[in-house]
Amino acid sequence: MKNSTLKAATIALFSGLFIMGCEDNSAEDAGERIDEAITDTQNAVEDTCEEVKEGVNAEETNC
């Protein structure tokens, strides 16, 4: 390969990678939805724990 062709191919490769890194992709969205679902589940478990402790008149109601 000629030196100029190699340079052009390298520039094209890095440009493509840079552009792909800037795009908003569905994997990031899926990850955010998973994080939100985990947080919601943790909050629900904590709320349920506090309700149970309140129901049995526990001294400490925080979970």
C-alpha atoms as a PDB file:
ATOM      1  CA  MET A   1       0.000   0.000   0.000  1.00  0.00           C
ATOM      2  CA  LYS A   2       1.190   3.461  -0.732  1.00  0.00           C
ATOM      3  CA  ASN A   3       1.938   5.767   2.158  1.00  0.00           C
ATOM      4  CA  SER A   4      -0.832   8.235   1.212  1.00  0.00           C
ATOM      5  CA  THR A   5      -3.390   5.404   0.931  1.00  0.00           C
ATOM      6  CA  LEU A   6      -2.422   4.168   4.381  1.00  0.00           C
ATOM      7  CA  LYS A   7      -2.794   7.670   5.813  1.00  0.00           C
ATOM      8  CA  ALA A   8      -6.207   8.087   4.186  1.00  0.00           C
ATOM      9  CA  ALA A   9      -7.378   4.712   5.513  1.00  0.00           C
ATOM     10  CA  THR A  10      -6.175   5.570   9.029  1.00  0.00           C
ATOM     11  CA  ILE A  11      -7.942   8.933   8.968  1.00  0.00           C
ATOM     12  CA  ALA A  12     -11.133   7.311   7.706  1.00  0.00           C
ATOM     13  CA  LEU A  13     -11.008   4.648  10.423  1.00  0.00           C
ATOM     14  CA  PHE A  14     -10.531   7.114  13.267  1.00  0.00           C
ATOM     15  CA  SER A  15     -13.152   9.469  11.827  1.00  0.00           C
ATOM     16  CA  GLY A  16     -15.666   6.629  11.699  1.00  0.00           C
ATOM     17  CA  LEU A  17     -14.905   5.609  15.277  1.00  0.00           C
ATOM     18  CA  PHE A  18     -15.230   9.207  16.440  1.00  0.00           C
ATOM     19  CA  ILE A  19     -18.599   9.631  14.735  1.00  0.00           C
ATOM     20  CA  MET A  20     -19.908   6.343  16.153  1.00  0.00           C
ATOM     21  CA  GLY A  21     -18.833   7.393  19.644  1.00  0.00           C
ATOM     22  CA  CYS A  22     -20.891  10.575  19.402  1.00  0.00           C
ATOM     23  CA  GLU A  23     -24.114   8.881  18.340  1.00  0.00           C
ATOM     24  CA  ASP A  24     -26.884   8.182  20.821  1.00  0.00           C
ATOM     25  CA  ASN A  25     -27.365   4.431  20.617  1.00  0.00           C
ATOM     26  CA  SER A  26     -29.959   2.034  21.899  1.00  0.00           C
ATOM     27  CA  ALA A  27     -27.507   0.197  24.179  1.00  0.00           C
ATOM     28  CA  GLU A  28     -27.100   3.328  26.286  1.00  0.00           C
ATOM     29  CA  ASP A  29     -30.876   3.771  26.451  1.00  0.00           C
ATOM     30  CA  ALA A  30     -31.321   0.147  27.486  1.00  0.00           C
ATOM     31  CA  GLY A  31     -28.708   0.559  30.208  1.00  0.00           C
ATOM     32  CA  GLU A  32     -30.483   3.620  31.552  1.00  0.00           C
ATOM     33  CA  ARG A  33     -33.808   1.764  31.614  1.00  0.00           C
ATOM     34  CA  ILE A  34     -32.179  -1.129  33.490  1.00  0.00           C
ATOM     35  CA  ASP A  35     -30.681   1.298  36.028  1.00  0.00           C
ATOM     36  CA  GLU A  36     -34.071   2.939  36.545  1.00  0.00           C
ATOM     37  CA  ALA A  37     -35.778  -0.442  37.003  1.00  0.00           C
ATOM     38  CA  ILE A  38     -33.188  -1.504  39.600  1.00  0.00           C
ATOM     39  CA  THR A  39     -33.593   1.778  41.489  1.00  0.00           C
ATOM     40  CA  ASP A  40     -37.389   1.456  41.431  1.00  0.00           C
ATOM     41  CA  THR A  41     -37.150  -2.112  42.735  1.00  0.00           C
ATOM     42  CA  GLN A  42     -34.790  -1.099  45.541  1.00  0.00           C
ATOM     43  CA  ASN A  43     -37.123   1.714  46.551  1.00  0.00           C
ATOM     44  CA  ALA A  44     -40.133  -0.621  46.557  1.00  0.00           C
ATOM     45  CA  VAL A  45     -38.311  -3.156  48.754  1.00  0.00           C
ATOM     46  CA  GLU A  46     -37.271  -0.432  51.183  1.00  0.00           C
ATOM     47  CA  ASP A  47     -40.826   0.977  51.328  1.00  0.00           C
ATOM     48  CA  THR A  48     -42.247  -2.488  51.985  1.00  0.00           C
ATOM     49  CA  CYS A  49     -39.684  -3.123  54.722  1.00  0.00           C
ATOM     50  CA  GLU A  50     -40.567   0.158  56.420  1.00  0.00           C
ATOM     51  CA  GLU A  51     -44.296  -0.620  56.220  1.00  0.00           C
ATOM     52  CA  VAL A  52     -43.743  -4.046  57.798  1.00  0.00           C
ATOM     53  CA  LYS A  53     -41.669  -2.531  60.605  1.00  0.00           C
ATOM     54  CA  GLU A  54     -44.367   0.076  61.226  1.00  0.00           C
ATOM     55  CA  GLY A  55     -46.985  -2.689  61.270  1.00  0.00           C
ATOM     56  CA  VAL A  56     -45.223  -4.592  64.035  1.00  0.00           C
ATOM     57  CA  ASN A  57     -44.456  -1.394  65.981  1.00  0.00           C
ATOM     58  CA  ALA A  58     -40.691  -1.781  65.654  1.00  0.00           C
ATOM     59  CA  GLU A  59     -38.558   0.826  67.430  1.00  0.00           C
ATOM     60  CA  GLU A  60     -36.514   1.548  64.305  1.00  0.00           C
ATOM     61  CA  THR A  61     -38.639   1.856  61.151  1.00  0.00           C
ATOM     62  CA  ASN A  62     -35.815   2.652  58.750  1.00  0.00           C
ATOM     63  CA  CYS A  63     -34.493  -0.177  56.607  1.00  0.00           C
END
